[in-house]
């Protein structure tokens, strides 16, 4: 059989590629898996109870309304309005099977082969993979110090085939939070050029502040420009239930809905029920988990402050540390050495950047406090 050259040329998921190295381990000590960002704790008990009850309800096995369960759309709109202080209503919300799907259906609705979007550097690899599938060029936005994307410098990247600006805040892989005033600058740039501003806010609950992530929803005309993407995977520790959301004006939602109909029909109802319960009854639990992750970040930053083994922490936030490794190894070789010799499974920075800059993404949130200390000890064993 023959395959699409676009797909055969597409990179393999770096998470799958990294996990393939585990079979080459020779040590018997437990692996420290800091590759895929996933909650290391179970969902709140009230959510588990709701899932168990839903599983015994035959109606839950049927299709949900395509745009999502009305109760979830209303609950999430209320949650966003409370967190941001602007106006989001149920009709603005389209529920998806995870945030990756949210990005894919929005990107496909906005652009086609030969078009381009402005993206952060480094850039979330699954977003990049989808743009490659759709033959959409991702033009890298220049950064200021601290890996903050520069809106003013981005203007020179826009041409007649540009359809959107894509931000991820906090960032994946860097963990860097884009300040609200910088997001506002990008919103103004998008509006001035008739572009969509797509903001992936998967890790919004894991920012170093309780202040709103941005003020875009304060603008009565936000629906003309802004498309905000969300995930419930980290907030409620339910990544396997695959629930995300697109928050946008009617034109963008209707076009994205056409694609959703082809790839999923609807998000799984049982996951949506879990989210309704979490939004209505687990607010304090969500806050506690975010505080716990913040404490882990502080411990991780403390462990990395002395540059164990020569590893340099470049940025950290949300679930991630963006780390430069020492020596002259190519990144694939360094990754293999980490797994085989040091029993650490990370993701190569080459999955997120166009160059081999000797970077690694370390998901410190996967670990407990003792494991974070152990991570530092194992990095200190590194020799070039």
Protein backbone atom coordinates (compact mmCIF):
# COMPACT_ATOMS: atom_id res chain seq x y z
CA UNK A 1 0.00 0.00 0.00
CA UNK A 2 1.04 3.62 -0.44
CA UNK A 3 1.00 6.38 2.16
CA UNK A 4 0.78 10.14 2.04
CA UNK A 5 4.28 11.62 1.71
CA UNK A 6 3.18 14.40 4.05
CA UNK A 7 2.55 11.85 6.78
CA UNK A 8 5.55 9.63 6.12
CA UNK A 9 7.75 12.75 6.35
CA UNK A 10 6.08 13.77 9.62
CA UNK A 11 8.13 13.28 12.75
CA UNK A 12 7.14 10.49 15.13
CA UNK A 13 5.76 11.65 18.45
CA UNK A 14 8.80 12.44 20.61
CA UNK A 15 7.04 10.88 23.59
CA UNK A 16 6.73 7.54 21.79
CA UNK A 17 10.31 7.80 20.53
CA UNK A 18 11.60 8.55 24.02
CA UNK A 19 9.70 5.65 25.58
CA UNK A 20 11.22 3.28 23.03
CA UNK A 21 14.61 3.92 24.69
CA UNK A 22 13.43 2.45 28.00
CA UNK A 23 14.04 -1.07 26.70
CA UNK A 24 17.78 -0.33 26.57
CA UNK A 25 18.10 0.31 30.30
CA UNK A 26 20.59 -1.82 32.18
CA UNK A 27 20.11 -0.48 35.72
CA UNK A 28 17.46 -1.81 38.10
CA UNK A 29 16.67 1.40 39.96
CA UNK A 30 13.25 2.97 39.27
CA UNK A 31 12.98 5.12 36.17
CA UNK A 32 12.30 8.83 36.71
CA UNK A 33 9.78 9.56 33.96
CA UNK A 34 9.71 13.30 33.26
CA UNK A 35 8.59 12.93 29.66
CA UNK A 36 4.85 13.24 29.13
CA UNK A 37 3.20 15.88 31.29
CA UNK A 38 0.54 14.03 33.23
CA UNK A 39 -0.89 14.45 36.74
CA UNK A 40 0.78 12.06 39.18
CA UNK A 41 -2.31 12.04 41.42
CA UNK A 42 -5.88 10.75 40.97
CA UNK A 43 -8.93 12.91 40.22
CA UNK A 44 -10.83 14.40 43.16
CA UNK A 45 -13.01 11.81 44.93
CA UNK A 46 -16.20 13.64 43.99
CA UNK A 47 -15.25 13.33 40.32
CA UNK A 48 -14.43 9.63 40.67
CA UNK A 49 -17.84 9.08 42.27
CA UNK A 50 -19.55 10.94 39.43
CA UNK A 51 -17.73 8.83 36.81
CA UNK A 52 -18.74 5.61 38.58
CA UNK A 53 -22.37 6.70 38.74
CA UNK A 54 -22.34 7.80 35.10
CA UNK A 55 -20.96 4.44 33.97
CA UNK A 56 -24.13 2.80 35.27
CA UNK A 57 -26.40 5.16 33.35
CA UNK A 58 -27.20 3.71 29.88
CA UNK A 59 -27.88 7.20 28.47
CA UNK A 60 -24.22 8.11 28.97
CA UNK A 61 -23.26 5.59 26.27
CA UNK A 62 -25.10 7.61 23.62
CA UNK A 63 -23.84 10.60 21.66
CA UNK A 64 -23.65 13.92 23.45
CA UNK A 65 -24.85 17.12 21.75
CA UNK A 66 -22.17 17.93 19.23
CA UNK A 67 -21.12 21.21 20.82
CA UNK A 68 -21.04 19.62 24.27
CA UNK A 69 -23.37 18.99 27.19
CA UNK A 70 -25.24 22.23 27.96
CA UNK A 71 -24.47 21.91 31.67
CA UNK A 72 -20.72 21.75 30.97
CA UNK A 73 -20.78 24.65 28.54
CA UNK A 74 -22.63 26.76 31.13
CA UNK A 75 -20.41 25.70 34.03
CA UNK A 76 -17.22 26.36 32.10
CA UNK A 77 -18.43 29.73 30.83
CA UNK A 78 -19.19 30.71 34.44
CA UNK A 79 -15.75 29.46 35.54
CA UNK A 80 -13.99 31.54 32.88
CA UNK A 81 -16.07 34.64 33.57
CA UNK A 82 -15.19 34.38 37.26
CA UNK A 83 -11.47 33.80 36.61
CA UNK A 84 -11.05 36.52 33.97
CA UNK A 85 -13.63 39.07 34.97
CA UNK A 86 -14.91 39.37 31.39
CA UNK A 87 -17.99 38.00 29.69
CA UNK A 88 -18.05 34.41 28.43
CA UNK A 89 -21.40 32.69 27.92
CA UNK A 90 -22.35 29.08 27.26
CA UNK A 91 -22.84 29.70 23.55
CA UNK A 92 -19.16 30.73 23.28
CA UNK A 93 -18.01 27.25 24.35
CA UNK A 94 -17.42 24.24 22.08
CA UNK A 95 -16.41 21.06 23.93
CA UNK A 96 -13.77 18.86 22.26
CA UNK A 97 -12.03 15.55 22.89
CA UNK A 98 -9.02 17.21 24.49
CA UNK A 99 -7.15 20.44 23.83
CA UNK A 100 -5.02 18.92 21.08
CA UNK A 101 -8.20 18.30 19.13
CA UNK A 102 -9.35 21.82 19.91
CA UNK A 103 -6.22 23.21 18.27
CA UNK A 104 -6.44 20.88 15.28
CA UNK A 105 -10.02 21.70 14.36
CA UNK A 106 -9.44 25.44 14.82
CA UNK A 107 -6.22 25.45 12.78
CA UNK A 108 -7.85 23.47 9.98
CA UNK A 109 -10.82 25.83 9.98
CA UNK A 110 -8.57 28.88 9.68
CA UNK A 111 -5.92 27.84 7.17
CA UNK A 112 -4.97 25.48 4.37
CA UNK A 113 -1.92 24.46 2.35
CA UNK A 114 0.34 27.41 1.64
CA UNK A 115 -1.04 29.57 4.45
CA UNK A 116 1.00 30.44 7.52
CA UNK A 117 0.57 31.13 11.22
CA UNK A 118 2.89 32.92 13.63
CA UNK A 119 3.94 30.58 16.44
CA UNK A 120 6.08 30.78 19.56
CA UNK A 121 9.66 29.57 19.67
CA UNK A 122 10.03 27.00 21.11
CA UNK A 123 6.70 25.64 19.91
CA UNK A 124 4.46 22.83 21.25
CA UNK A 125 5.32 19.81 19.10
CA UNK A 126 1.77 18.50 18.56
CA UNK A 127 0.71 21.90 17.24
CA UNK A 128 3.69 21.87 14.91
CA UNK A 129 2.90 18.36 13.72
CA UNK A 130 -0.67 19.34 12.85
CA UNK A 131 0.44 22.40 10.92
CA UNK A 132 2.76 20.10 8.96
CA UNK A 133 -0.13 17.71 8.27
CA UNK A 134 -2.16 20.59 6.88
CA UNK A 135 0.88 22.03 5.03
CA UNK A 136 0.59 25.28 6.97
CA UNK A 137 3.84 27.11 7.62
CA UNK A 138 4.66 27.96 11.22
CA UNK A 139 6.66 31.19 11.35
CA UNK A 140 8.62 31.52 14.58
CA UNK A 141 7.98 34.64 16.67
CA UNK A 142 11.13 36.38 17.97
CA UNK A 143 11.59 36.45 21.75
CA UNK A 144 12.59 39.05 24.27
CA UNK A 145 14.63 38.07 27.31
CA UNK A 146 12.94 35.36 29.34
CA UNK A 147 11.52 33.70 26.22
CA UNK A 148 8.65 36.22 26.09
CA UNK A 149 7.37 36.49 22.49
CA UNK A 150 7.78 39.95 20.96
CA UNK A 151 4.62 41.36 19.37
CA UNK A 152 6.26 44.34 17.69
CA UNK A 153 8.87 42.20 15.94
CA UNK A 154 6.15 39.78 14.82
CA UNK A 155 4.54 42.34 12.53
CA UNK A 156 7.28 41.82 9.94
CA UNK A 157 6.33 38.13 9.65
CA UNK A 158 2.76 38.83 8.52
CA UNK A 159 1.83 38.64 4.85
CA UNK A 160 -1.28 37.97 2.76
CA UNK A 161 -1.18 34.23 3.58
CA UNK A 162 -1.03 34.71 7.36
CA UNK A 163 -4.22 33.61 9.09
CA UNK A 164 -3.46 33.45 12.82
CA UNK A 165 -1.09 34.09 15.70
CA UNK A 166 -0.68 31.17 18.12
CA UNK A 167 0.35 31.65 21.75
CA UNK A 168 0.66 29.01 24.47
CA UNK A 169 0.68 30.44 27.99
CA UNK A 170 2.03 29.06 30.23
CA UNK A 171 4.26 27.66 27.53
CA UNK A 172 4.90 24.08 26.57
CA UNK A 173 7.85 23.25 26.72
CA UNK A 174 9.20 26.26 28.64
CA UNK A 175 6.56 26.88 31.30
CA UNK A 176 6.90 30.63 30.60
CA UNK A 177 3.78 32.71 31.24
CA UNK A 178 3.18 35.47 28.71
CA UNK A 179 2.26 38.67 30.63
CA UNK A 180 -1.30 40.00 30.11
CA UNK A 181 0.00 43.23 28.59
CA UNK A 182 1.99 41.29 25.99
CA UNK A 183 -1.03 39.16 25.15
CA UNK A 184 -2.97 42.41 24.65
CA UNK A 185 -0.28 43.59 22.21
CA UNK A 186 -0.67 40.41 20.19
CA UNK A 187 -4.46 40.81 20.25
CA UNK A 188 -4.09 44.33 18.85
CA UNK A 189 -1.70 43.04 16.17
CA UNK A 190 -4.14 40.30 15.20
CA UNK A 191 -7.08 42.72 15.07
CA UNK A 192 -5.15 45.24 12.96
CA UNK A 193 -4.34 42.54 10.40
CA UNK A 194 -7.68 40.68 10.46
CA UNK A 195 -6.09 37.58 11.99
CA UNK A 196 -7.22 35.15 14.65
CA UNK A 197 -5.36 35.15 17.95
CA UNK A 198 -5.29 31.55 19.22
CA UNK A 199 -4.30 31.19 22.88
CA UNK A 200 -3.74 27.69 24.25
CA UNK A 201 -4.40 28.02 27.99
CA UNK A 202 -4.04 24.37 29.02
CA UNK A 203 -1.90 25.30 32.05
CA UNK A 204 -3.71 28.49 33.08
CA UNK A 205 -4.33 27.19 36.61
CA UNK A 206 -0.60 26.65 37.13
CA UNK A 207 0.57 30.25 36.76
CA UNK A 208 2.49 32.04 39.53
CA UNK A 209 -0.44 34.38 40.24
CA UNK A 210 -4.19 34.36 40.81
CA UNK A 211 -4.62 37.44 38.61
CA UNK A 212 -6.43 36.93 35.29
CA UNK A 213 -4.26 35.41 32.56
CA UNK A 214 -5.37 38.24 30.26
CA UNK A 215 -8.09 40.87 29.92
CA UNK A 216 -9.22 40.04 26.38
CA UNK A 217 -12.69 38.95 27.45
CA UNK A 218 -13.29 42.49 28.75
CA UNK A 219 -13.54 43.71 25.15
CA UNK A 220 -17.14 43.32 23.90
CA UNK A 221 -15.67 42.55 20.45
CA UNK A 222 -13.34 39.75 21.65
CA UNK A 223 -15.31 37.16 19.66
CA UNK A 224 -14.16 38.78 16.40
CA UNK A 225 -10.51 37.92 17.03
CA UNK A 226 -9.83 35.73 20.07
CA UNK A 227 -9.93 31.92 20.13
CA UNK A 228 -9.07 30.53 23.57
CA UNK A 229 -8.28 26.81 23.93
CA UNK A 230 -8.57 24.84 27.17
CA UNK A 231 -8.01 21.43 28.72
CA UNK A 232 -9.51 19.71 31.73
CA UNK A 233 -6.79 17.05 31.80
CA UNK A 234 -4.46 18.78 34.24
CA UNK A 235 -7.05 20.78 36.19
CA UNK A 236 -9.02 17.67 37.16
CA UNK A 237 -6.38 14.94 36.64
CA UNK A 238 -8.45 13.23 33.93
CA UNK A 239 -6.22 13.16 30.81
CA UNK A 240 -7.61 9.79 29.75
CA UNK A 241 -11.16 11.12 29.55
CA UNK A 242 -10.18 13.54 26.77
CA UNK A 243 -12.09 16.75 27.36
CA UNK A 244 -11.06 20.20 26.13
CA UNK A 245 -12.76 23.31 24.86
CA UNK A 246 -12.73 25.99 22.20
CA UNK A 247 -13.94 29.39 23.40
CA UNK A 248 -14.68 31.63 20.43
CA UNK A 249 -17.24 33.61 18.50
CA UNK A 250 -19.91 31.90 16.42
CA UNK A 251 -18.15 31.98 13.02
CA UNK A 252 -15.05 30.20 14.32
CA UNK A 253 -17.07 27.69 16.31
CA UNK A 254 -19.33 26.79 13.40
CA UNK A 255 -16.39 26.16 11.06
CA UNK A 256 -14.51 24.14 13.67
CA UNK A 257 -17.67 22.14 14.39
CA UNK A 258 -17.70 20.85 10.82
CA UNK A 259 -14.30 19.27 11.38
CA UNK A 260 -15.21 17.97 14.83
CA UNK A 261 -18.12 16.12 13.22
CA UNK A 262 -15.65 14.25 11.00
CA UNK A 263 -13.02 13.33 13.59
CA UNK A 264 -14.96 12.68 16.80
CA UNK A 265 -18.67 13.62 16.33
CA UNK A 266 -18.64 14.72 19.98
CA UNK A 267 -16.46 14.60 23.07
CA UNK A 268 -17.12 11.52 25.28
CA UNK A 269 -20.12 12.21 27.53
CA UNK A 270 -18.63 10.46 30.57
CA UNK A 271 -15.65 12.79 30.52
CA UNK A 272 -17.94 15.79 30.20
CA UNK A 273 -19.90 14.65 33.26
CA UNK A 274 -16.63 14.39 35.16
CA UNK A 275 -15.84 17.98 34.19
CA UNK A 276 -19.24 19.31 35.26
CA UNK A 277 -18.75 17.72 38.67
CA UNK A 278 -15.21 19.05 38.97
CA UNK A 279 -16.19 22.59 38.06
CA UNK A 280 -19.12 22.60 40.46
CA UNK A 281 -17.68 20.70 43.43
CA UNK A 282 -13.88 20.58 43.27
CA UNK A 283 -12.82 24.24 43.23
CA UNK A 284 -10.82 23.96 46.45
CA UNK A 285 -9.24 20.68 45.31
CA UNK A 286 -8.10 22.36 42.09
CA UNK A 287 -6.55 25.19 44.05
CA UNK A 288 -4.74 22.77 46.36
CA UNK A 289 -3.24 20.84 43.45
CA UNK A 290 -2.04 24.04 41.78
CA UNK A 291 -0.40 25.09 45.05
CA UNK A 292 1.23 21.67 45.39
CA UNK A 293 2.67 21.87 41.88
CA UNK A 294 3.99 25.36 42.66
CA UNK A 295 5.82 23.96 45.69
CA UNK A 296 7.30 21.22 43.48
CA UNK A 297 8.47 23.92 41.07
CA UNK A 298 10.25 25.74 43.89
CA UNK A 299 11.95 22.51 44.92
CA UNK A 300 12.94 21.74 41.34
CA UNK A 301 14.38 25.23 40.86
CA UNK A 302 16.32 24.84 44.11
CA UNK A 303 17.74 21.47 43.01
CA UNK A 304 18.74 22.93 39.64
CA UNK A 305 20.25 26.12 41.08
CA UNK A 306 23.65 24.47 41.53
CA UNK A 307 23.59 23.13 37.95
CA UNK A 308 23.95 19.45 38.89
CA UNK A 309 26.16 17.68 36.36
CA UNK A 310 26.37 20.93 34.40
CA UNK A 311 22.64 21.00 33.54
CA UNK A 312 21.34 24.56 33.31
CA UNK A 313 17.73 25.51 34.03
CA UNK A 314 16.79 28.11 31.41
CA UNK A 315 13.10 28.49 32.31
CA UNK A 316 10.48 26.84 34.49
CA UNK A 317 6.77 27.08 35.12
CA UNK A 318 3.48 25.18 35.12
CA UNK A 319 4.60 21.54 34.69
CA UNK A 320 7.92 22.12 32.91
CA UNK A 321 11.59 22.84 33.18
CA UNK A 322 13.42 23.92 30.01
CA UNK A 323 16.94 22.63 30.59
CA UNK A 324 20.22 22.86 28.68
CA UNK A 325 22.44 19.79 28.99
CA UNK A 326 26.26 19.96 29.02
CA UNK A 327 28.77 18.55 26.58
CA UNK A 328 28.91 18.06 22.85
CA UNK A 329 26.41 15.22 22.45
CA UNK A 330 23.70 15.59 19.82
CA UNK A 331 20.34 15.73 21.59
CA UNK A 332 19.28 12.21 20.57
CA UNK A 333 22.52 10.83 21.99
CA UNK A 334 22.15 12.83 25.18
CA UNK A 335 18.58 11.58 25.59
CA UNK A 336 19.73 7.97 25.20
CA UNK A 337 22.53 8.50 27.72
CA UNK A 338 20.05 9.94 30.22
CA UNK A 339 17.82 6.89 29.92
CA UNK A 340 20.46 4.16 29.79
CA UNK A 341 23.04 5.53 32.20
CA UNK A 342 21.00 7.76 34.48
CA UNK A 343 17.48 6.29 34.38
CA UNK A 344 15.84 9.60 33.48
CA UNK A 345 13.29 9.77 30.65
CA UNK A 346 12.86 13.29 29.22
CA UNK A 347 11.79 14.84 25.91
CA UNK A 348 14.37 16.28 23.49
CA UNK A 349 14.30 19.98 22.81
CA UNK A 350 14.57 19.25 19.09
CA UNK A 351 10.87 18.31 19.22
CA UNK A 352 10.08 21.97 19.91
CA UNK A 353 12.78 23.93 18.11
CA UNK A 354 14.20 24.08 14.61
CA UNK A 355 17.78 23.72 15.82
CA UNK A 356 19.65 21.35 18.12
CA UNK A 357 20.26 23.77 20.98
CA UNK A 358 21.08 21.04 23.53
CA UNK A 359 17.74 21.48 25.29
CA UNK A 360 15.50 19.06 27.16
CA UNK A 361 11.95 19.36 28.45
CA UNK A 362 11.65 18.00 31.97
CA UNK A 363 8.15 17.61 33.39
CA UNK A 364 8.99 18.05 37.05
CA UNK A 365 5.30 17.97 38.01
CA UNK A 366 5.33 14.21 37.35
CA UNK A 367 7.52 13.72 40.44
CA UNK A 368 7.06 13.94 44.18
CA UNK A 369 9.46 15.90 46.40
CA UNK A 370 11.77 12.95 47.06
CA UNK A 371 11.94 12.12 43.37
CA UNK A 372 12.84 15.72 42.50
CA UNK A 373 15.82 15.43 44.86
CA UNK A 374 16.73 12.11 43.25
CA UNK A 375 16.55 13.75 39.83
CA UNK A 376 19.20 16.24 40.92
CA UNK A 377 21.39 13.45 42.23
CA UNK A 378 21.19 11.53 38.96
CA UNK A 379 21.90 14.60 36.86
CA UNK A 380 24.97 15.19 39.04
CA UNK A 381 26.26 11.78 37.90
CA UNK A 382 26.50 13.04 34.32
CA UNK A 383 29.94 13.02 32.75
CA UNK A 384 30.91 14.05 29.25
